[in-house]
Amino acid sequence: MYCNAGDIKIKNNASDKVVTFGNSKIGIALDYNGKHNVSGLDIINNQNVISGTSGIFSKKRTLKNE
């Protein structure tokens, strides 16, 4: 999908620790409250593809310095 930077809207809800961004074709919500989670994905016609606990998760791993 191609879009101009001006078409994208970004909103950070610092109290809930959720960043939402997108345009008229796609909307994504990223939850960073103690995790890294795509908690919402909306596409054309506002069809909800992912929401809430059915989100996409990633795992982070830290290495201890010895």
PDB file of N, CA and C in Angstrom:
ATOM      1  N   MET A   1       0.844  -1.164   0.000  1.00  0.00           N
ATOM      2  CA  MET A   1       0.000   0.000   0.000  1.00  0.00           C
ATOM      3  C   MET A   1       0.890   1.228   0.000  1.00  0.00           C
ATOM      4  N   TYR A   2       0.554   2.208  -0.778  1.00  0.00           N
ATOM      5  CA  TYR A   2       1.294   3.455  -0.854  1.00  0.00           C
ATOM      6  C   TYR A   2       0.455   4.562  -0.244  1.00  0.00           C
ATOM      7  N   CYS A   3       1.082   5.395   0.578  1.00  0.00           N
ATOM      8  CA  CYS A   3       0.382   6.558   1.122  1.00  0.00           C
ATOM      9  C   CYS A   3       1.399   7.655   1.387  1.00  0.00           C
ATOM     10  N   ASN A   4       0.933   8.881   1.395  1.00  0.00           N
ATOM     11  CA  ASN A   4       1.783  10.015   1.733  1.00  0.00           C
ATOM     12  C   ASN A   4       1.886  10.137   3.238  1.00  0.00           C
ATOM     13  N   ALA A   5       3.005  10.652   3.714  1.00  0.00           N
ATOM     14  CA  ALA A   5       3.196  10.799   5.162  1.00  0.00           C
ATOM     15  C   ALA A   5       2.095  11.645   5.785  1.00  0.00           C
ATOM     16  N   GLY A   6       1.576  12.608   5.036  1.00  0.00           N
ATOM     17  CA  GLY A   6       0.514  13.468   5.549  1.00  0.00           C
ATOM     18  C   GLY A   6      -0.794  12.736   5.770  1.00  0.00           C
ATOM     19  N   ASP A   7      -0.943  11.576   5.155  1.00  0.00           N
ATOM     20  CA  ASP A   7      -2.170  10.793   5.291  1.00  0.00           C
ATOM     21  C   ASP A   7      -2.232  10.012   6.599  1.00  0.00           C
ATOM     22  N   ILE A   8      -1.112   9.844   7.264  1.00  0.00           N
ATOM     23  CA  ILE A   8      -1.033   9.000   8.462  1.00  0.00           C
ATOM     24  C   ILE A   8      -1.263   9.834   9.716  1.00  0.00           C
ATOM     25  N   LYS A   9      -2.111   9.321  10.594  1.00  0.00           N
ATOM     26  CA  LYS A   9      -2.355   9.970  11.891  1.00  0.00           C
ATOM     27  C   LYS A   9      -1.785   9.078  12.980  1.00  0.00           C
ATOM     28  N   ILE A  10      -1.089   9.674  13.947  1.00  0.00           N
ATOM     29  CA  ILE A  10      -0.478   8.936  15.052  1.00  0.00           C
ATOM     30  C   ILE A  10      -0.954   9.552  16.362  1.00  0.00           C
ATOM     31  N   LYS A  11      -1.377   8.689  17.306  1.00  0.00           N
ATOM     32  CA  LYS A  11      -1.827   9.163  18.611  1.00  0.00           C
ATOM     33  C   LYS A  11      -1.238   8.261  19.683  1.00  0.00           C
ATOM     34  N   ASN A  12      -0.594   8.852  20.678  1.00  0.00           N
ATOM     35  CA  ASN A  12      -0.044   8.098  21.808  1.00  0.00           C
ATOM     36  C   ASN A  12      -0.897   8.367  23.034  1.00  0.00           C
ATOM     37  N   ASN A  13      -1.505   7.337  23.581  1.00  0.00           N
ATOM     38  CA  ASN A  13      -2.247   7.438  24.827  1.00  0.00           C
ATOM     39  C   ASN A  13      -1.299   6.971  25.927  1.00  0.00           C
ATOM     40  N   ALA A  14      -0.567   7.912  26.508  1.00  0.00           N
ATOM     41  CA  ALA A  14       0.478   7.588  27.480  1.00  0.00           C
ATOM     42  C   ALA A  14      -0.081   6.940  28.748  1.00  0.00           C
ATOM     43  N   SER A  15      -1.288   7.306  29.167  1.00  0.00           N
ATOM     44  CA  SER A  15      -1.844   6.716  30.392  1.00  0.00           C
ATOM     45  C   SER A  15      -2.195   5.239  30.198  1.00  0.00           C
ATOM     46  N   ASP A  16      -2.705   4.877  29.026  1.00  0.00           N
ATOM     47  CA  ASP A  16      -3.015   3.476  28.733  1.00  0.00           C
ATOM     48  C   ASP A  16      -1.848   2.747  28.073  1.00  0.00           C
ATOM     49  N   LYS A  17      -0.819   3.503  27.669  1.00  0.00           N
ATOM     50  CA  LYS A  17       0.362   2.972  26.985  1.00  0.00           C
ATOM     51  C   LYS A  17      -0.022   2.239  25.697  1.00  0.00           C
ATOM     52  N   VAL A  18      -0.778   2.964  24.862  1.00  0.00           N
ATOM     53  CA  VAL A  18      -1.196   2.442  23.560  1.00  0.00           C
ATOM     54  C   VAL A  18      -0.952   3.526  22.505  1.00  0.00           C
ATOM     55  N   VAL A  19      -0.279   3.141  21.422  1.00  0.00           N
ATOM     56  CA  VAL A  19      -0.073   4.028  20.284  1.00  0.00           C
ATOM     57  C   VAL A  19      -0.976   3.536  19.158  1.00  0.00           C
ATOM     58  N   THR A  20      -1.760   4.445  18.582  1.00  0.00           N
ATOM     59  CA  THR A  20      -2.580   4.102  17.431  1.00  0.00           C
ATOM     60  C   THR A  20      -2.112   4.935  16.246  1.00  0.00           C
ATOM     61  N   PHE A  21      -2.083   4.309  15.081  1.00  0.00           N
ATOM     62  CA  PHE A  21      -1.707   5.041  13.876  1.00  0.00           C
ATOM     63  C   PHE A  21      -2.348   4.406  12.657  1.00  0.00           C
ATOM     64  N   GLY A  22      -2.458   5.199  11.612  1.00  0.00           N
ATOM     65  CA  GLY A  22      -3.026   4.696  10.375  1.00  0.00           C
ATOM     66  C   GLY A  22      -3.582   5.812   9.525  1.00  0.00           C
ATOM     67  N   ASN A  23      -4.359   5.408   8.521  1.00  0.00           N
ATOM     68  CA  ASN A  23      -5.002   6.350   7.620  1.00  0.00           C
ATOM     69  C   ASN A  23      -6.409   5.835   7.327  1.00  0.00           C
ATOM     70  N   SER A  24      -6.994   6.268   6.217  1.00  0.00           N
ATOM     71  CA  SER A  24      -8.365   5.844   5.913  1.00  0.00           C
ATOM     72  C   SER A  24      -8.449   4.382   5.483  1.00  0.00           C
ATOM     73  N   LYS A  25      -7.331   3.742   5.187  1.00  0.00           N
ATOM     74  CA  LYS A  25      -7.330   2.353   4.710  1.00  0.00           C
ATOM     75  C   LYS A  25      -6.947   1.343   5.782  1.00  0.00           C
ATOM     76  N   ILE A  26      -6.144   1.749   6.769  1.00  0.00           N
ATOM     77  CA  ILE A  26      -5.660   0.807   7.786  1.00  0.00           C
ATOM     78  C   ILE A  26      -5.451   1.536   9.112  1.00  0.00           C
ATOM     79  N   GLY A  27      -5.744   0.857  10.196  1.00  0.00           N
ATOM     80  CA  GLY A  27      -5.509   1.394  11.533  1.00  0.00           C
ATOM     81  C   GLY A  27      -4.873   0.324  12.403  1.00  0.00           C
ATOM     82  N   ILE A  28      -3.833   0.701  13.137  1.00  0.00           N
ATOM     83  CA  ILE A  28      -3.109  -0.251  13.978  1.00  0.00           C
ATOM     84  C   ILE A  28      -2.995   0.317  15.382  1.00  0.00           C
ATOM     85  N   ALA A  29      -3.182  -0.539  16.396  1.00  0.00           N
ATOM     86  CA  ALA A  29      -2.990  -0.153  17.797  1.00  0.00           C
ATOM     87  C   ALA A  29      -1.870  -1.012  18.373  1.00  0.00           C
ATOM     88  N   LEU A  30      -0.872  -0.362  18.973  1.00  0.00           N
ATOM     89  CA  LEU A  30       0.245  -1.052  19.615  1.00  0.00           C
ATOM     90  C   LEU A  30       0.182  -0.809  21.116  1.00  0.00           C
ATOM     91  N   ASP A  31       0.095  -1.868  21.884  1.00  0.00           N
ATOM     92  CA  ASP A  31       0.026  -1.816  23.341  1.00  0.00           C
ATOM     93  C   ASP A  31       1.420  -2.060  23.897  1.00  0.00           C
ATOM     94  N   TYR A  32       1.967  -1.094  24.649  1.00  0.00           N
ATOM     95  CA  TYR A  32       3.294  -1.253  25.242  1.00  0.00           C
ATOM     96  C   TYR A  32       3.249  -1.199  26.761  1.00  0.00           C
ATOM     97  N   ASN A  33       2.141  -1.616  27.337  1.00  0.00           N
ATOM     98  CA  ASN A  33       1.971  -1.633  28.782  1.00  0.00           C
ATOM     99  C   ASN A  33       2.514  -2.944  29.347  1.00  0.00           C
ATOM    100  N   GLY A  34       3.831  -3.032  29.526  1.00  0.00           N
ATOM    101  CA  GLY A  34       4.470  -4.220  30.064  1.00  0.00           C
ATOM    102  C   GLY A  34       4.611  -5.339  29.049  1.00  0.00           C
ATOM    103  N   LYS A  35       4.330  -5.025  27.777  1.00  0.00           N
ATOM    104  CA  LYS A  35       4.423  -6.022  26.712  1.00  0.00           C
ATOM    105  C   LYS A  35       4.572  -5.296  25.388  1.00  0.00           C
ATOM    106  N   HIS A  36       4.758  -6.039  24.331  1.00  0.00           N
ATOM    107  CA  HIS A  36       4.761  -5.507  22.978  1.00  0.00           C
ATOM    108  C   HIS A  36       3.671  -6.260  22.231  1.00  0.00           C
ATOM    109  N   ASN A  37       2.566  -5.590  21.970  1.00  0.00           N
ATOM    110  CA  ASN A  37       1.386  -6.283  21.462  1.00  0.00           C
ATOM    111  C   ASN A  37       0.691  -5.435  20.405  1.00  0.00           C
ATOM    112  N   VAL A  38       0.454  -6.003  19.223  1.00  0.00           N
ATOM    113  CA  VAL A  38      -0.447  -5.374  18.264  1.00  0.00           C
ATOM    114  C   VAL A  38      -1.842  -5.748  18.753  1.00  0.00           C
ATOM    115  N   SER A  39      -2.507  -4.800  19.402  1.00  0.00           N
ATOM    116  CA  SER A  39      -3.783  -5.109  20.043  1.00  0.00           C
ATOM    117  C   SER A  39      -4.983  -4.767  19.171  1.00  0.00           C
ATOM    118  N   GLY A  40      -4.744  -4.116  18.047  1.00  0.00           N
ATOM    119  CA  GLY A  40      -5.846  -3.813  17.144  1.00  0.00           C
ATOM    120  C   GLY A  40      -5.352  -3.640  15.727  1.00  0.00           C
ATOM    121  N   LEU A  41      -6.100  -4.163  14.770  1.00  0.00           N
ATOM    122  CA  LEU A  41      -5.792  -3.999  13.351  1.00  0.00           C
ATOM    123  C   LEU A  41      -7.108  -3.893  12.612  1.00  0.00           C
ATOM    124  N   ASP A  42      -7.389  -2.701  12.081  1.00  0.00           N
ATOM    125  CA  ASP A  42      -8.601  -2.454  11.299  1.00  0.00           C
ATOM    126  C   ASP A  42      -8.190  -2.216   9.862  1.00  0.00           C
ATOM    127  N   ILE A  43      -8.940  -2.743   8.917  1.00  0.00           N
ATOM    128  CA  ILE A  43      -8.643  -2.500   7.508  1.00  0.00           C
ATOM    129  C   ILE A  43      -9.859  -1.922   6.800  1.00  0.00           C
ATOM    130  N   ILE A  44      -9.822  -1.866   5.495  1.00  0.00           N
ATOM    131  CA  ILE A  44     -10.857  -1.225   4.685  1.00  0.00           C
ATOM    132  C   ILE A  44     -12.254  -1.575   5.187  1.00  0.00           C
ATOM    133  N   ASN A  45     -13.127  -0.604   5.164  1.00  0.00           N
ATOM    134  CA  ASN A  45     -14.515  -0.715   5.625  1.00  0.00           C
ATOM    135  C   ASN A  45     -14.616  -0.941   7.127  1.00  0.00           C
ATOM    136  N   ASN A  46     -13.599  -0.545   7.866  1.00  0.00           N
ATOM    137  CA  ASN A  46     -13.575  -0.663   9.331  1.00  0.00           C
ATOM    138  C   ASN A  46     -13.782  -2.088   9.815  1.00  0.00           C
ATOM    139  N   GLN A  47     -13.403  -3.059   9.023  1.00  0.00           N
ATOM    140  CA  GLN A  47     -13.497  -4.460   9.433  1.00  0.00           C
ATOM    141  C   GLN A  47     -12.429  -4.726  10.477  1.00  0.00           C
ATOM    142  N   ASN A  48     -12.835  -5.181  11.650  1.00  0.00           N
ATOM    143  CA  ASN A  48     -11.915  -5.428  12.755  1.00  0.00           C
ATOM    144  C   ASN A  48     -11.264  -6.792  12.570  1.00  0.00           C
ATOM    145  N   VAL A  49      -9.961  -6.807  12.325  1.00  0.00           N
ATOM    146  CA  VAL A  49      -9.237  -8.044  12.072  1.00  0.00           C
ATOM    147  C   VAL A  49      -8.673  -8.616  13.367  1.00  0.00           C
ATOM    148  N   ILE A  50      -8.116  -7.766  14.202  1.00  0.00           N
ATOM    149  CA  ILE A  50      -7.542  -8.177  15.491  1.00  0.00           C
ATOM    150  C   ILE A  50      -8.036  -7.200  16.549  1.00  0.00           C
ATOM    151  N   SER A  51      -8.418  -7.722  17.711  1.00  0.00           N
ATOM    152  CA  SER A  51      -8.774  -6.833  18.810  1.00  0.00           C
ATOM    153  C   SER A  51      -8.512  -7.503  20.145  1.00  0.00           C
ATOM    154  N   GLY A  52      -8.159  -6.690  21.118  1.00  0.00           N
ATOM    155  CA  GLY A  52      -7.989  -7.150  22.501  1.00  0.00           C
ATOM    156  C   GLY A  52      -7.001  -8.278  22.685  1.00  0.00           C
ATOM    157  N   THR A  53      -7.422  -9.323  23.391  1.00  0.00           N
ATOM    158  CA  THR A  53      -6.522 -10.415  23.758  1.00  0.00           C
ATOM    159  C   THR A  53      -6.133 -11.310  22.588  1.00  0.00           C
ATOM    160  N   SER A  54      -6.778 -11.152  21.436  1.00  0.00           N
ATOM    161  CA  SER A  54      -6.401 -11.948  20.268  1.00  0.00           C
ATOM    162  C   SER A  54      -5.304 -11.264  19.455  1.00  0.00           C
ATOM    163  N   GLY A  55      -4.599 -10.327  20.056  1.00  0.00           N
ATOM    164  CA  GLY A  55      -3.563  -9.571  19.365  1.00  0.00           C
ATOM    165  C   GLY A  55      -2.350 -10.398  18.983  1.00  0.00           C
ATOM    166  N   ILE A  56      -1.385  -9.737  18.343  1.00  0.00           N
ATOM    167  CA  ILE A  56      -0.120 -10.352  17.952  1.00  0.00           C
ATOM    168  C   ILE A  56       0.922  -9.946  18.981  1.00  0.00           C
ATOM    169  N   PHE A  57       1.643 -10.911  19.518  1.00  0.00           N
ATOM    170  CA  PHE A  57       2.627 -10.638  20.553  1.00  0.00           C
ATOM    171  C   PHE A  57       4.028 -10.915  20.046  1.00  0.00           C
ATOM    172  N   SER A  58       5.001 -10.215  20.620  1.00  0.00           N
ATOM    173  CA  SER A  58       6.401 -10.508  20.349  1.00  0.00           C
ATOM    174  C   SER A  58       7.080 -10.807  21.678  1.00  0.00           C
ATOM    175  N   LYS A  59       8.240 -11.385  21.606  1.00  0.00           N
ATOM    176  CA  LYS A  59       8.973 -11.724  22.816  1.00  0.00           C
ATOM    177  C   LYS A  59      10.297 -10.993  22.795  1.00  0.00           C
ATOM    178  N   LYS A  60      10.680 -10.438  23.919  1.00  0.00           N
ATOM    179  CA  LYS A  60      11.986  -9.810  24.003  1.00  0.00           C
ATOM    180  C   LYS A  60      12.840 -10.579  24.995  1.00  0.00           C
ATOM    181  N   ARG A  61      14.108 -10.598  24.737  1.00  0.00           N
ATOM    182  CA  ARG A  61      15.020 -11.329  25.587  1.00  0.00           C
ATOM    183  C   ARG A  61      16.218 -10.452  25.875  1.00  0.00           C
ATOM    184  N   THR A  62      16.610 -10.376  27.111  1.00  0.00           N
ATOM    185  CA  THR A  62      17.787  -9.592  27.481  1.00  0.00           C
ATOM    186  C   THR A  62      18.867 -10.545  27.958  1.00  0.00           C
ATOM    187  N   LEU A  63      20.088 -10.182  27.686  1.00  0.00           N
ATOM    188  CA  LEU A  63      21.222 -10.998  28.085  1.00  0.00           C
ATOM    189  C   LEU A  63      21.901 -10.350  29.285  1.00  0.00           C
ATOM    190  N   LYS A  64      22.240 -11.129  30.259  1.00  0.00           N
ATOM    191  CA  LYS A  64      22.906 -10.628  31.438  1.00  0.00           C
ATOM    192  C   LYS A  64      24.398 -10.469  31.138  1.00  0.00           C
ATOM    193  N   ASN A  65      24.926  -9.301  31.453  1.00  0.00           N
ATOM    194  CA  ASN A  65      26.364  -9.069  31.289  1.00  0.00           C
ATOM    195  C   ASN A  65      27.138  -9.814  32.351  1.00  0.00           C
ATOM    196  N   GLU A  66      28.141 -10.546  31.946  1.00  0.00           N
ATOM    197  CA  GLU A  66      28.941 -11.297  32.917  1.00  0.00           C
ATOM    198  C   GLU A  66      30.369 -10.850  32.873  1.00  0.00           C
TER     199      GLU A  66
END
